[in-house]
Amino acid sequence: MTEKKYEIIIIGAGPNGLQIGAYLAKAGLKVLLLERRHECGGGLATEAVT
């Protein structure tokens, strides 16, 4: 297994996590974004209600 190094680790891929992750990556930092669900977006993610 290869070891990977990150400068920033963000817990949570909701709107704020996605925004700051994109901002920091664009600034040239190595970012790891972790989310417990299978989709990103937090409260913005939707699914059908039956």
N, C-alpha and C. Protein backbone atom coordinates (compact mmCIF):
# COMPACT_ATOMS: atom_id res chain seq x y z
N MET A 1 0.85 -1.17 0.00
CA MET A 1 0.00 0.00 0.00
C MET A 1 0.89 1.24 0.00
N THR A 2 0.60 2.16 -0.88
CA THR A 2 1.39 3.39 -0.92
C THR A 2 0.82 4.41 0.06
N GLU A 3 1.70 5.17 0.63
CA GLU A 3 1.31 6.19 1.60
C GLU A 3 1.06 7.50 0.86
N LYS A 4 -0.07 8.13 1.14
CA LYS A 4 -0.40 9.42 0.54
C LYS A 4 -0.37 10.48 1.62
N LYS A 5 0.10 11.65 1.27
CA LYS A 5 0.18 12.75 2.22
C LYS A 5 -0.68 13.91 1.74
N TYR A 6 -1.40 14.48 2.68
CA TYR A 6 -2.27 15.62 2.39
C TYR A 6 -1.92 16.76 3.34
N GLU A 7 -2.10 17.97 2.85
CA GLU A 7 -1.86 19.14 3.70
C GLU A 7 -3.11 19.51 4.48
N ILE A 8 -4.26 19.21 3.91
CA ILE A 8 -5.55 19.56 4.53
C ILE A 8 -6.47 18.34 4.46
N ILE A 9 -7.14 18.03 5.56
CA ILE A 9 -8.17 16.99 5.57
C ILE A 9 -9.47 17.65 6.03
N ILE A 10 -10.50 17.54 5.20
CA ILE A 10 -11.80 18.14 5.51
C ILE A 10 -12.78 17.01 5.79
N ILE A 11 -13.45 17.08 6.94
CA ILE A 11 -14.44 16.09 7.32
C ILE A 11 -15.81 16.66 7.00
N GLY A 12 -16.50 16.05 6.05
CA GLY A 12 -17.84 16.49 5.67
C GLY A 12 -17.85 17.16 4.31
N ALA A 13 -18.61 16.56 3.38
CA ALA A 13 -18.69 17.09 2.02
C ALA A 13 -20.03 17.77 1.78
N GLY A 14 -20.46 18.56 2.78
CA GLY A 14 -21.64 19.39 2.61
C GLY A 14 -21.25 20.64 1.83
N PRO A 15 -22.15 21.60 1.72
CA PRO A 15 -21.85 22.81 0.96
C PRO A 15 -20.57 23.52 1.41
N ASN A 16 -20.38 23.64 2.72
CA ASN A 16 -19.18 24.34 3.21
C ASN A 16 -17.91 23.55 2.97
N GLY A 17 -17.94 22.24 3.20
CA GLY A 17 -16.78 21.40 2.96
C GLY A 17 -16.37 21.40 1.50
N LEU A 18 -17.35 21.31 0.60
CA LEU A 18 -17.07 21.34 -0.83
C LEU A 18 -16.47 22.67 -1.25
N GLN A 19 -17.03 23.75 -0.74
CA GLN A 19 -16.56 25.09 -1.11
C GLN A 19 -15.12 25.33 -0.64
N ILE A 20 -14.84 25.06 0.62
CA ILE A 20 -13.49 25.32 1.13
C ILE A 20 -12.49 24.34 0.51
N GLY A 21 -12.92 23.10 0.25
CA GLY A 21 -12.04 22.13 -0.41
C GLY A 21 -11.63 22.59 -1.80
N ALA A 22 -12.59 23.09 -2.56
CA ALA A 22 -12.29 23.60 -3.91
C ALA A 22 -11.38 24.82 -3.84
N TYR A 23 -11.65 25.70 -2.90
CA TYR A 23 -10.84 26.92 -2.74
C TYR A 23 -9.39 26.57 -2.40
N LEU A 24 -9.20 25.66 -1.45
CA LEU A 24 -7.85 25.29 -1.03
C LEU A 24 -7.11 24.51 -2.12
N ALA A 25 -7.82 23.63 -2.83
CA ALA A 25 -7.19 22.89 -3.92
C ALA A 25 -6.76 23.83 -5.05
N LYS A 26 -7.61 24.81 -5.33
CA LYS A 26 -7.27 25.80 -6.36
C LYS A 26 -6.06 26.63 -5.95
N ALA A 27 -5.86 26.79 -4.64
CA ALA A 27 -4.70 27.53 -4.12
C ALA A 27 -3.44 26.67 -4.14
N GLY A 28 -3.56 25.39 -4.55
CA GLY A 28 -2.40 24.54 -4.69
C GLY A 28 -2.13 23.58 -3.55
N LEU A 29 -3.03 23.50 -2.57
CA LEU A 29 -2.84 22.58 -1.45
C LEU A 29 -3.38 21.19 -1.80
N LYS A 30 -2.77 20.16 -1.21
CA LYS A 30 -3.26 18.79 -1.38
C LYS A 30 -4.37 18.56 -0.37
N VAL A 31 -5.60 18.37 -0.86
CA VAL A 31 -6.79 18.30 -0.01
C VAL A 31 -7.40 16.90 -0.08
N LEU A 32 -7.78 16.37 1.08
CA LEU A 32 -8.55 15.13 1.17
C LEU A 32 -9.90 15.50 1.78
N LEU A 33 -10.97 15.18 1.08
CA LEU A 33 -12.33 15.48 1.53
C LEU A 33 -13.03 14.17 1.85
N LEU A 34 -13.46 14.00 3.10
CA LEU A 34 -14.10 12.76 3.56
C LEU A 34 -15.58 12.99 3.83
N GLU A 35 -16.41 12.03 3.41
CA GLU A 35 -17.85 12.10 3.63
C GLU A 35 -18.34 10.71 4.02
N ARG A 36 -19.20 10.62 5.03
CA ARG A 36 -19.67 9.31 5.49
C ARG A 36 -20.75 8.72 4.58
N ARG A 37 -21.46 9.56 3.87
CA ARG A 37 -22.50 9.06 2.97
C ARG A 37 -21.92 8.73 1.60
N HIS A 38 -22.71 8.11 0.75
CA HIS A 38 -22.26 7.76 -0.59
C HIS A 38 -22.39 8.91 -1.57
N GLU A 39 -22.91 10.05 -1.11
CA GLU A 39 -23.08 11.22 -1.98
C GLU A 39 -22.64 12.47 -1.23
N CYS A 40 -22.23 13.46 -1.99
CA CYS A 40 -21.81 14.74 -1.42
C CYS A 40 -22.98 15.72 -1.50
N GLY A 41 -22.89 16.80 -0.75
CA GLY A 41 -23.89 17.85 -0.85
C GLY A 41 -24.65 18.13 0.43
N GLY A 42 -24.57 17.23 1.41
CA GLY A 42 -25.26 17.45 2.67
C GLY A 42 -26.75 17.66 2.48
N GLY A 43 -27.27 18.76 3.02
CA GLY A 43 -28.69 19.07 2.92
C GLY A 43 -29.14 19.42 1.52
N LEU A 44 -28.20 19.63 0.61
CA LEU A 44 -28.55 19.94 -0.77
C LEU A 44 -28.85 18.69 -1.58
N ALA A 45 -28.40 17.52 -1.10
CA ALA A 45 -28.65 16.26 -1.79
C ALA A 45 -30.11 15.86 -1.57
N THR A 46 -30.75 15.40 -2.62
CA THR A 46 -32.16 15.03 -2.52
C THR A 46 -32.37 13.60 -3.00
N GLU A 47 -33.49 13.03 -2.61
CA GLU A 47 -33.87 11.71 -3.10
C GLU A 47 -35.39 11.64 -3.13
N ALA A 48 -35.91 10.72 -3.89
CA ALA A 48 -37.36 10.59 -4.04
C ALA A 48 -38.00 10.11 -2.74
N VAL A 49 -39.17 10.66 -2.43
CA VAL A 49 -39.94 10.24 -1.26
C VAL A 49 -41.18 9.53 -1.78
N THR A 50 -41.38 8.31 -1.31
CA THR A 50 -42.56 7.56 -1.78
C THR A 50 -43.49 7.24 -0.65
